[in-house]
Amino acid sequence: DIRSEESARSMANKTLEHFGSIDVLVNNAGISPFMAPM
């Protein structure tokens, strides 16, 4: 859940538990759910 600090930290911890390191983070998650003038 990209909007949750707890979820982001859980992602990092699970990655470290499984692979032992984090070398690269690609922040690709994004949304554009609608089109509208400002």
PDB file of all heavy atoms in Angstrom:
ATOM      1  N   ASP A   1       0.881  -1.169   0.000  1.00  0.00           N
ATOM      2  CA  ASP A   1       0.000   0.000   0.000  1.00  0.00           C
ATOM      3  C   ASP A   1       0.913   1.213   0.000  1.00  0.00           C
ATOM      4  O   ASP A   1       1.476   1.588   1.035  1.00  0.00           O
ATOM      5  CB  ASP A   1      -0.908  -0.008   1.232  1.00  0.00           C
ATOM      6  CG  ASP A   1      -1.810   1.218   1.307  1.00  0.00           C
ATOM      7  OD1 ASP A   1      -1.697   2.106   0.431  1.00  0.00           O
ATOM      8  OD2 ASP A   1      -2.613   1.314   2.256  1.00  0.00           O
ATOM      9  N   ILE A   2       1.075   1.815  -1.161  1.00  0.00           N
ATOM     10  CA  ILE A   2       2.076   2.865  -1.361  1.00  0.00           C
ATOM     11  C   ILE A   2       1.858   4.070  -0.457  1.00  0.00           C
ATOM     12  O   ILE A   2       2.781   4.841  -0.183  1.00  0.00           O
ATOM     13  CB  ILE A   2       2.075   3.298  -2.847  1.00  0.00           C
ATOM     14  CG1 ILE A   2       3.364   4.054  -3.214  1.00  0.00           C
ATOM     15  CG2 ILE A   2       0.857   4.145  -3.175  1.00  0.00           C
ATOM     16  CD1 ILE A   2       4.545   3.185  -3.369  1.00  0.00           C
ATOM     17  N   ARG A   3       0.642   4.238   0.051  1.00  0.00           N
ATOM     18  CA  ARG A   3       0.325   5.405   0.884  1.00  0.00           C
ATOM     19  C   ARG A   3       0.550   5.152   2.370  1.00  0.00           C
ATOM     20  O   ARG A   3       0.332   6.038   3.199  1.00  0.00           O
ATOM     21  CB  ARG A   3      -1.118   5.837   0.646  1.00  0.00           C
ATOM     22  CG  ARG A   3      -1.388   6.333  -0.759  1.00  0.00           C
ATOM     23  CD  ARG A   3      -2.834   6.686  -0.982  1.00  0.00           C
ATOM     24  NE  ARG A   3      -3.692   5.504  -0.971  1.00  0.00           N
ATOM     25  CZ  ARG A   3      -5.014   5.544  -1.112  1.00  0.00           C
ATOM     26  NH1 ARG A   3      -5.625   6.702  -1.256  1.00  0.00           N
ATOM     27  NH2 ARG A   3      -5.710   4.427  -1.102  1.00  0.00           N
ATOM     28  N   SER A   4       1.034   3.947   2.707  1.00  0.00           N
ATOM     29  CA  SER A   4       1.199   3.564   4.110  1.00  0.00           C
ATOM     30  C   SER A   4       2.671   3.457   4.477  1.00  0.00           C
ATOM     31  O   SER A   4       3.421   2.686   3.864  1.00  0.00           O
ATOM     32  CB  SER A   4       0.499   2.222   4.372  1.00  0.00           C
ATOM     33  OG  SER A   4       0.920   1.654   5.577  1.00  0.00           O
ATOM     34  N   GLU A   5       3.086   4.207   5.489  1.00  0.00           N
ATOM     35  CA  GLU A   5       4.463   4.112   5.970  1.00  0.00           C
ATOM     36  C   GLU A   5       4.758   2.704   6.471  1.00  0.00           C
ATOM     37  O   GLU A   5       5.830   2.146   6.205  1.00  0.00           O
ATOM     38  CB  GLU A   5       4.694   5.124   7.095  1.00  0.00           C
ATOM     39  CG  GLU A   5       6.092   5.078   7.683  1.00  0.00           C
ATOM     40  CD  GLU A   5       6.279   6.050   8.836  1.00  0.00           C
ATOM     41  OE1 GLU A   5       5.296   6.718   9.221  1.00  0.00           O
ATOM     42  OE2 GLU A   5       7.418   6.130   9.352  1.00  0.00           O
ATOM     43  N   GLU A   6       3.798   2.109   7.189  1.00  0.00           N
ATOM     44  CA  GLU A   6       3.974   0.757   7.716  1.00  0.00           C
ATOM     45  C   GLU A   6       4.159  -0.256   6.591  1.00  0.00           C
ATOM     46  O   GLU A   6       5.017  -1.139   6.666  1.00  0.00           O
ATOM     47  CB  GLU A   6       2.767   0.368   8.572  1.00  0.00           C
ATOM     48  CG  GLU A   6       2.864  -1.017   9.181  1.00  0.00           C
ATOM     49  CD  GLU A   6       1.640  -1.376  10.020  1.00  0.00           C
ATOM     50  OE1 GLU A   6       0.750  -0.516  10.174  1.00  0.00           O
ATOM     51  OE2 GLU A   6       1.573  -2.521  10.506  1.00  0.00           O
ATOM     52  N   SER A   7       3.372  -0.127   5.527  1.00  0.00           N
ATOM     53  CA  SER A   7       3.473  -1.044   4.400  1.00  0.00           C
ATOM     54  C   SER A   7       4.807  -0.884   3.673  1.00  0.00           C
ATOM     55  O   SER A   7       5.422  -1.877   3.267  1.00  0.00           O
ATOM     56  CB  SER A   7       2.315  -0.809   3.430  1.00  0.00           C
ATOM     57  OG  SER A   7       2.342  -1.745   2.378  1.00  0.00           O
ATOM     58  N   ALA A   8       5.269   0.336   3.518  1.00  0.00           N
ATOM     59  CA  ALA A   8       6.556   0.576   2.860  1.00  0.00           C
ATOM     60  C   ALA A   8       7.704  -0.037   3.660  1.00  0.00           C
ATOM     61  O   ALA A   8       8.612  -0.658   3.097  1.00  0.00           O
ATOM     62  CB  ALA A   8       6.772   2.072   2.677  1.00  0.00           C
ATOM     63  N   ARG A   9       7.644   0.119   4.968  1.00  0.00           N
ATOM     64  CA  ARG A   9       8.695  -0.461   5.813  1.00  0.00           C
ATOM     65  C   ARG A   9       8.627  -1.983   5.817  1.00  0.00           C
ATOM     66  O   ARG A   9       9.656  -2.672   5.852  1.00  0.00           O
ATOM     67  CB  ARG A   9       8.586   0.098   7.233  1.00  0.00           C
ATOM     68  CG  ARG A   9       8.921   1.588   7.310  1.00  0.00           C
ATOM     69  CD  ARG A   9       9.161   2.071   8.724  1.00  0.00           C
ATOM     70  NE  ARG A   9       9.532   3.479   8.735  1.00  0.00           N
ATOM     71  CZ  ARG A   9      10.761   3.926   8.504  1.00  0.00           C
ATOM     72  NH1 ARG A   9      11.732   3.059   8.252  1.00  0.00           N
ATOM     73  NH2 ARG A   9      11.025   5.217   8.536  1.00  0.00           N
ATOM     74  N   SER A  10       7.411  -2.520   5.778  1.00  0.00           N
ATOM     75  CA  SER A  10       7.250  -3.965   5.695  1.00  0.00           C
ATOM     76  C   SER A  10       7.851  -4.504   4.401  1.00  0.00           C
ATOM     77  O   SER A  10       8.499  -5.551   4.390  1.00  0.00           O
ATOM     78  CB  SER A  10       5.763  -4.324   5.778  1.00  0.00           C
ATOM     79  OG  SER A  10       5.570  -5.710   5.604  1.00  0.00           O
ATOM     80  N   MET A  11       7.647  -3.782   3.306  1.00  0.00           N
ATOM     81  CA  MET A  11       8.236  -4.175   2.021  1.00  0.00           C
ATOM     82  C   MET A  11       9.758  -4.245   2.118  1.00  0.00           C
ATOM     83  O   MET A  11      10.382  -5.213   1.668  1.00  0.00           O
ATOM     84  CB  MET A  11       7.836  -3.176   0.938  1.00  0.00           C
ATOM     85  CG  MET A  11       8.491  -3.410  -0.412  1.00  0.00           C
ATOM     86  SD  MET A  11       8.172  -2.052  -1.587  1.00  0.00           S
ATOM     87  CE  MET A  11       9.145  -0.720  -0.822  1.00  0.00           C
ATOM     88  N   ALA A  12      10.356  -3.226   2.724  1.00  0.00           N
ATOM     89  CA  ALA A  12      11.811  -3.205   2.875  1.00  0.00           C
ATOM     90  C   ALA A  12      12.291  -4.364   3.742  1.00  0.00           C
ATOM     91  O   ALA A  12      13.266  -5.049   3.407  1.00  0.00           O
ATOM     92  CB  ALA A  12      12.254  -1.875   3.472  1.00  0.00           C
ATOM     93  N   ASN A  13      11.598  -4.610   4.846  1.00  0.00           N
ATOM     94  CA  ASN A  13      11.995  -5.681   5.756  1.00  0.00           C
ATOM     95  C   ASN A  13      11.872  -7.054   5.109  1.00  0.00           C
ATOM     96  O   ASN A  13      12.750  -7.921   5.274  1.00  0.00           O
ATOM     97  CB  ASN A  13      11.155  -5.631   7.033  1.00  0.00           C
ATOM     98  CG  ASN A  13      11.478  -4.419   7.891  1.00  0.00           C
ATOM     99  OD1 ASN A  13      12.580  -3.887   7.825  1.00  0.00           O
ATOM    100  ND2 ASN A  13      10.527  -3.975   8.694  1.00  0.00           N
ATOM    101  N   LYS A  14      10.777  -7.285   4.371  1.00  0.00           N
ATOM    102  CA  LYS A  14      10.589  -8.568   3.697  1.00  0.00           C
ATOM    103  C   LYS A  14      11.657  -8.795   2.625  1.00  0.00           C
ATOM    104  O   LYS A  14      12.131  -9.913   2.426  1.00  0.00           O
ATOM    105  CB  LYS A  14       9.195  -8.638   3.080  1.00  0.00           C
ATOM    106  CG  LYS A  14       8.069  -8.779   4.094  1.00  0.00           C
ATOM    107  CD  LYS A  14       6.704  -8.775   3.421  1.00  0.00           C
ATOM    108  CE  LYS A  14       5.586  -8.913   4.443  1.00  0.00           C
ATOM    109  NZ  LYS A  14       4.239  -8.849   3.803  1.00  0.00           N
ATOM    110  N   THR A  15      12.028  -7.727   1.951  1.00  0.00           N
ATOM    111  CA  THR A  15      13.080  -7.823   0.935  1.00  0.00           C
ATOM    112  C   THR A  15      14.403  -8.215   1.571  1.00  0.00           C
ATOM    113  O   THR A  15      15.124  -9.099   1.073  1.00  0.00           O
ATOM    114  CB  THR A  15      13.244  -6.483   0.197  1.00  0.00           C
ATOM    115  OG1 THR A  15      12.006  -6.142  -0.439  1.00  0.00           O
ATOM    116  CG2 THR A  15      14.336  -6.570  -0.854  1.00  0.00           C
ATOM    117  N   LEU A  16      14.723  -7.586   2.697  1.00  0.00           N
ATOM    118  CA  LEU A  16      15.975  -7.901   3.392  1.00  0.00           C
ATOM    119  C   LEU A  16      15.966  -9.327   3.937  1.00  0.00           C
ATOM    120  O   LEU A  16      16.986 -10.031   3.884  1.00  0.00           O
ATOM    121  CB  LEU A  16      16.209  -6.896   4.524  1.00  0.00           C
ATOM    122  CG  LEU A  16      16.530  -5.464   4.079  1.00  0.00           C
ATOM    123  CD1 LEU A  16      16.533  -4.516   5.269  1.00  0.00           C
ATOM    124  CD2 LEU A  16      17.877  -5.421   3.363  1.00  0.00           C
ATOM    125  N   GLU A  17      14.833  -9.753   4.452  1.00  0.00           N
ATOM    126  CA  GLU A  17      14.728 -11.119   4.971  1.00  0.00           C
ATOM    127  C   GLU A  17      14.932 -12.156   3.869  1.00  0.00           C
ATOM    128  O   GLU A  17      15.547 -13.203   4.095  1.00  0.00           O
ATOM    129  CB  GLU A  17      13.353 -11.327   5.616  1.00  0.00           C
ATOM    130  CG  GLU A  17      13.158 -10.569   6.921  1.00  0.00           C
ATOM    131  CD  GLU A  17      11.723 -10.634   7.418  1.00  0.00           C
ATOM    132  OE1 GLU A  17      10.904 -11.346   6.781  1.00  0.00           O
ATOM    133  OE2 GLU A  17      11.405  -9.956   8.421  1.00  0.00           O
ATOM    134  N   HIS A  18      14.426 -11.864   2.683  1.00  0.00           N
ATOM    135  CA  HIS A  18      14.472 -12.848   1.592  1.00  0.00           C
ATOM    136  C   HIS A  18      15.783 -12.799   0.807  1.00  0.00           C
ATOM    137  O   HIS A  18      16.359 -13.840   0.485  1.00  0.00           O
ATOM    138  CB  HIS A  18      13.300 -12.605   0.644  1.00  0.00           C
ATOM    139  CG  HIS A  18      13.078 -13.705  -0.344  1.00  0.00           C
ATOM    140  ND1 HIS A  18      12.366 -14.850  -0.037  1.00  0.00           N
ATOM    141  CD2 HIS A  18      13.473 -13.852  -1.643  1.00  0.00           C
ATOM    142  CE1 HIS A  18      12.322 -15.647  -1.084  1.00  0.00           C
ATOM    143  NE2 HIS A  18      12.988 -15.066  -2.072  1.00  0.00           N
ATOM    144  N   PHE A  19      16.249 -11.589   0.487  1.00  0.00           N
ATOM    145  CA  PHE A  19      17.428 -11.457  -0.369  1.00  0.00           C
ATOM    146  C   PHE A  19      18.669 -10.934   0.358  1.00  0.00           C
ATOM    147  O   PHE A  19      19.771 -10.999  -0.181  1.00  0.00           O
ATOM    148  CB  PHE A  19      17.123 -10.538  -1.555  1.00  0.00           C
ATOM    149  CG  PHE A  19      16.205 -11.146  -2.587  1.00  0.00           C
ATOM    150  CD1 PHE A  19      15.012 -10.524  -2.931  1.00  0.00           C
ATOM    151  CD2 PHE A  19      16.524 -12.337  -3.214  1.00  0.00           C
ATOM    152  CE1 PHE A  19      14.169 -11.066  -3.888  1.00  0.00           C
ATOM    153  CE2 PHE A  19      15.693 -12.898  -4.175  1.00  0.00           C
ATOM    154  CZ  PHE A  19      14.505 -12.262  -4.505  1.00  0.00           C
ATOM    155  N   GLY A  20      18.488 -10.358   1.558  1.00  0.00           N
ATOM    156  CA  GLY A  20      19.630  -9.934   2.356  1.00  0.00           C
ATOM    157  C   GLY A  20      20.167  -8.551   2.054  1.00  0.00           C
ATOM    158  O   GLY A  20      21.050  -8.061   2.762  1.00  0.00           O
ATOM    159  N   SER A  21      19.659  -7.917   1.021  1.00  0.00           N
ATOM    160  CA  SER A  21      20.167  -6.591   0.671  1.00  0.00           C
ATOM    161  C   SER A  21      19.131  -5.861  -0.180  1.00  0.00           C
ATOM    162  O   SER A  21      18.233  -6.475  -0.763  1.00  0.00           O
ATOM    163  CB  SER A  21      21.477  -6.702  -0.106  1.00  0.00           C
ATOM    164  OG  SER A  21      21.985  -5.424  -0.441  1.00  0.00           O
ATOM    165  N   ILE A  22      19.244  -4.539  -0.220  1.00  0.00           N
ATOM    166  CA  ILE A  22      18.476  -3.714  -1.159  1.00  0.00           C
ATOM    167  C   ILE A  22      19.481  -2.802  -1.851  1.00  0.00           C
ATOM    168  O   ILE A  22      20.104  -1.961  -1.210  1.00  0.00           O
ATOM    169  CB  ILE A  22      17.405  -2.860  -0.450  1.00  0.00           C
ATOM    170  CG1 ILE A  22      16.405  -3.741   0.304  1.00  0.00           C
ATOM    171  CG2 ILE A  22      16.666  -1.986  -1.481  1.00  0.00           C
ATOM    172  CD1 ILE A  22      15.443  -2.950   1.183  1.00  0.00           C
ATOM    173  N   ASP A  23      19.649  -2.996  -3.131  1.00  0.00           N
ATOM    174  CA  ASP A  23      20.637  -2.227  -3.877  1.00  0.00           C
ATOM    175  C   ASP A  23      20.015  -1.115  -4.712  1.00  0.00           C
ATOM    176  O   ASP A  23      20.611  -0.053  -4.892  1.00  0.00           O
ATOM    177  CB  ASP A  23      21.438  -3.160  -4.787  1.00  0.00           C
ATOM    178  CG  ASP A  23      22.170  -4.232  -3.997  1.00  0.00           C
ATOM    179  OD1 ASP A  23      23.114  -3.877  -3.266  1.00  0.00           O
ATOM    180  OD2 ASP A  23      21.773  -5.405  -4.079  1.00  0.00           O
ATOM    181  N   VAL A  24      18.811  -1.386  -5.227  1.00  0.00           N
ATOM    182  CA  VAL A  24      18.144  -0.419  -6.104  1.00  0.00           C
ATOM    183  C   VAL A  24      16.655  -0.363  -5.757  1.00  0.00           C
ATOM    184  O   VAL A  24      16.021  -1.398  -5.544  1.00  0.00           O
ATOM    185  CB  VAL A  24      18.290  -0.818  -7.596  1.00  0.00           C
ATOM    186  CG1 VAL A  24      17.626   0.223  -8.494  1.00  0.00           C
ATOM    187  CG2 VAL A  24      19.744  -1.007  -7.976  1.00  0.00           C
ATOM    188  N   LEU A  25      16.124   0.844  -5.677  1.00  0.00           N
ATOM    189  CA  LEU A  25      14.684   1.045  -5.537  1.00  0.00           C
ATOM    190  C   LEU A  25      14.196   1.832  -6.742  1.00  0.00           C
ATOM    191  O   LEU A  25      14.716   2.912  -7.031  1.00  0.00           O
ATOM    192  CB  LEU A  25      14.359   1.817  -4.262  1.00  0.00           C
ATOM    193  CG  LEU A  25      12.920   2.365  -4.157  1.00  0.00           C
ATOM    194  CD1 LEU A  25      11.908   1.226  -4.038  1.00  0.00           C
ATOM    195  CD2 LEU A  25      12.791   3.331  -2.976  1.00  0.00           C
ATOM    196  N   VAL A  26      13.205   1.300  -7.433  1.00  0.00           N
ATOM    197  CA  VAL A  26      12.566   2.015  -8.532  1.00  0.00           C
ATOM    198  C   VAL A  26      11.170   2.423  -8.088  1.00  0.00           C
ATOM    199  O   VAL A  26      10.285   1.582  -7.915  1.00  0.00           O
ATOM    200  CB  VAL A  26      12.483   1.157  -9.812  1.00  0.00           C
ATOM    201  CG1 VAL A  26      11.835   1.967 -10.946  1.00  0.00           C
ATOM    202  CG2 VAL A  26      13.858   0.676 -10.233  1.00  0.00           C
ATOM    203  N   ASN A  27      10.991   3.711  -7.867  1.00  0.00           N
ATOM    204  CA  ASN A  27       9.680   4.244  -7.469  1.00  0.00           C
ATOM    205  C   ASN A  27       8.850   4.480  -8.728  1.00  0.00           C
ATOM    206  O   ASN A  27       8.805   5.584  -9.276  1.00  0.00           O
ATOM    207  CB  ASN A  27       9.856   5.554  -6.689  1.00  0.00           C
ATOM    208  CG  ASN A  27      10.285   5.310  -5.263  1.00  0.00           C
ATOM    209  OD1 ASN A  27       9.721   4.473  -4.565  1.00  0.00           O
ATOM    210  ND2 ASN A  27      11.295   6.037  -4.819  1.00  0.00           N
ATOM    211  N   ASN A  28       8.198   3.404  -9.162  1.00  0.00           N
ATOM    212  CA  ASN A  28       7.424   3.446 -10.402  1.00  0.00           C
ATOM    213  C   ASN A  28       5.926   3.567 -10.158  1.00  0.00           C
ATOM    214  O   ASN A  28       5.196   4.061 -11.022  1.00  0.00           O
ATOM    215  CB  ASN A  28       7.711   2.182 -11.227  1.00  0.00           C
ATOM    216  CG  ASN A  28       6.748   2.018 -12.377  1.00  0.00           C
ATOM    217  OD1 ASN A  28       6.726   2.811 -13.308  1.00  0.00           O
ATOM    218  ND2 ASN A  28       5.916   0.982 -12.315  1.00  0.00           N
ATOM    219  N   ALA A  29       5.443   3.136  -9.006  1.00  0.00           N
ATOM    220  CA  ALA A  29       4.002   3.142  -8.740  1.00  0.00           C
ATOM    221  C   ALA A  29       3.428   4.541  -8.910  1.00  0.00           C
ATOM    222  O   ALA A  29       3.969   5.519  -8.393  1.00  0.00           O
ATOM    223  CB  ALA A  29       3.721   2.636  -7.332  1.00  0.00           C
ATOM    224  N   GLY A  30       2.345   4.626  -9.657  1.00  0.00           N
ATOM    225  CA  GLY A  30       1.716   5.926  -9.878  1.00  0.00           C
ATOM    226  C   GLY A  30       0.323   5.757 -10.449  1.00  0.00           C
ATOM    227  O   GLY A  30      -0.009   4.711 -11.006  1.00  0.00           O
ATOM    228  N   ILE A  31      -0.473   6.789 -10.302  1.00  0.00           N
ATOM    229  CA  ILE A  31      -1.838   6.754 -10.820  1.00  0.00           C
ATOM    230  C   ILE A  31      -2.175   8.056 -11.537  1.00  0.00           C
ATOM    231  O   ILE A  31      -1.613   9.103 -11.263  1.00  0.00           O
ATOM    232  CB  ILE A  31      -2.877   6.520  -9.699  1.00  0.00           C
ATOM    233  CG1 ILE A  31      -2.799   7.645  -8.640  1.00  0.00           C
ATOM    234  CG2 ILE A  31      -2.711   5.146  -9.072  1.00  0.00           C
ATOM    235  CD1 ILE A  31      -3.946   7.626  -7.643  1.00  0.00           C
ATOM    236  N   SER A  32      -3.096   7.939 -12.473  1.00  0.00           N
ATOM    237  CA  SER A  32      -3.724   9.097 -13.112  1.00  0.00           C
ATOM    238  C   SER A  32      -5.171   8.686 -13.364  1.00  0.00           C
ATOM    239  O   SER A  32      -5.566   8.360 -14.487  1.00  0.00           O
ATOM    240  CB  SER A  32      -3.019   9.451 -14.424  1.00  0.00           C
ATOM    241  OG  SER A  32      -3.593  10.601 -15.005  1.00  0.00           O
ATOM    242  N   PRO A  33      -5.979   8.650 -12.291  1.00  0.00           N
ATOM    243  CA  PRO A  33      -7.282   7.979 -12.347  1.00  0.00           C
ATOM    244  C   PRO A  33      -8.393   8.742 -13.052  1.00  0.00           C
ATOM    245  O   PRO A  33      -9.468   8.187 -13.263  1.00  0.00           O
ATOM    246  CB  PRO A  33      -7.617   7.798 -10.871  1.00  0.00           C
ATOM    247  CG  PRO A  33      -6.939   8.942 -10.184  1.00  0.00           C
ATOM    248  CD  PRO A  33      -5.661   9.152 -10.953  1.00  0.00           C
ATOM    249  N   PHE A  34      -8.137   9.994 -13.409  1.00  0.00           N
ATOM    250  CA  PHE A  34      -9.199  10.766 -14.062  1.00  0.00           C
ATOM    251  C   PHE A  34      -8.588  11.859 -14.922  1.00  0.00           C
ATOM    252  O   PHE A  34      -7.418  12.206 -14.778  1.00  0.00           O
ATOM    253  CB  PHE A  34     -10.126  11.402 -13.014  1.00  0.00           C
ATOM    254  CG  PHE A  34      -9.428  12.338 -12.066  1.00  0.00           C
ATOM    255  CD1 PHE A  34      -9.187  13.664 -12.405  1.00  0.00           C
ATOM    256  CD2 PHE A  34      -8.984  11.890 -10.829  1.00  0.00           C
ATOM    257  CE1 PHE A  34      -8.521  14.523 -11.536  1.00  0.00           C
ATOM    258  CE2 PHE A  34      -8.313  12.740  -9.951  1.00  0.00           C
ATOM    259  CZ  PHE A  34      -8.088  14.060 -10.304  1.00  0.00           C
ATOM    260  N   MET A  35      -9.410  12.384 -15.829  1.00  0.00           N
ATOM    261  CA  MET A  35      -9.033  13.559 -16.604  1.00  0.00           C
ATOM    262  C   MET A  35     -10.007  14.674 -16.277  1.00  0.00           C
ATOM    263  O   MET A  35     -11.219  14.473 -16.313  1.00  0.00           O
ATOM    264  CB  MET A  35      -9.063  13.267 -18.100  1.00  0.00           C
ATOM    265  CG  MET A  35      -7.953  12.347 -18.566  1.00  0.00           C
ATOM    266  SD  MET A  35      -7.823  12.361 -20.375  1.00  0.00           S
ATOM    267  CE  MET A  35      -7.124  14.007 -20.649  1.00  0.00           C
ATOM    268  N   ALA A  36      -9.476  15.850 -15.940  1.00  0.00           N
ATOM    269  CA  ALA A  36     -10.328  16.985 -15.603  1.00  0.00           C
ATOM    270  C   ALA A  36      -9.501  18.260 -15.638  1.00  0.00           C
ATOM    271  O   ALA A  36      -8.321  18.250 -15.267  1.00  0.00           O
ATOM    272  CB  ALA A  36     -10.933  16.812 -14.207  1.00  0.00           C
ATOM    273  N   PRO A  37     -10.100  19.358 -16.080  1.00  0.00           N
ATOM    274  CA  PRO A  37      -9.398  20.639 -15.974  1.00  0.00           C
ATOM    275  C   PRO A  37      -9.225  21.002 -14.515  1.00  0.00           C
ATOM    276  O   PRO A  37      -9.981  20.528 -13.648  1.00  0.00           O
ATOM    277  CB  PRO A  37     -10.338  21.619 -16.685  1.00  0.00           C
ATOM    278  CG  PRO A  37     -11.679  20.987 -16.606  1.00  0.00           C
ATOM    279  CD  PRO A  37     -11.443  19.508 -16.658  1.00  0.00           C
ATOM    280  N   MET A  38      -8.264  21.836 -14.216  1.00  0.00           N
ATOM    281  CA  MET A  38      -7.956  22.130 -12.822  1.00  0.00           C
ATOM    282  C   MET A  38      -9.117  22.794 -12.086  1.00  0.00           C
ATOM    283  O   MET A  38      -9.294  22.593 -10.883  1.00  0.00           O
ATOM    284  CB  MET A  38      -6.703  23.007 -12.740  1.00  0.00           C
ATOM    285  CG  MET A  38      -5.434  22.302 -13.187  1.00  0.00           C
ATOM    286  SD  MET A  38      -5.036  20.840 -12.198  1.00  0.00           S
ATOM    287  CE  MET A  38      -4.224  21.603 -10.795  1.00  0.00           C
TER     288      MET A  38
END
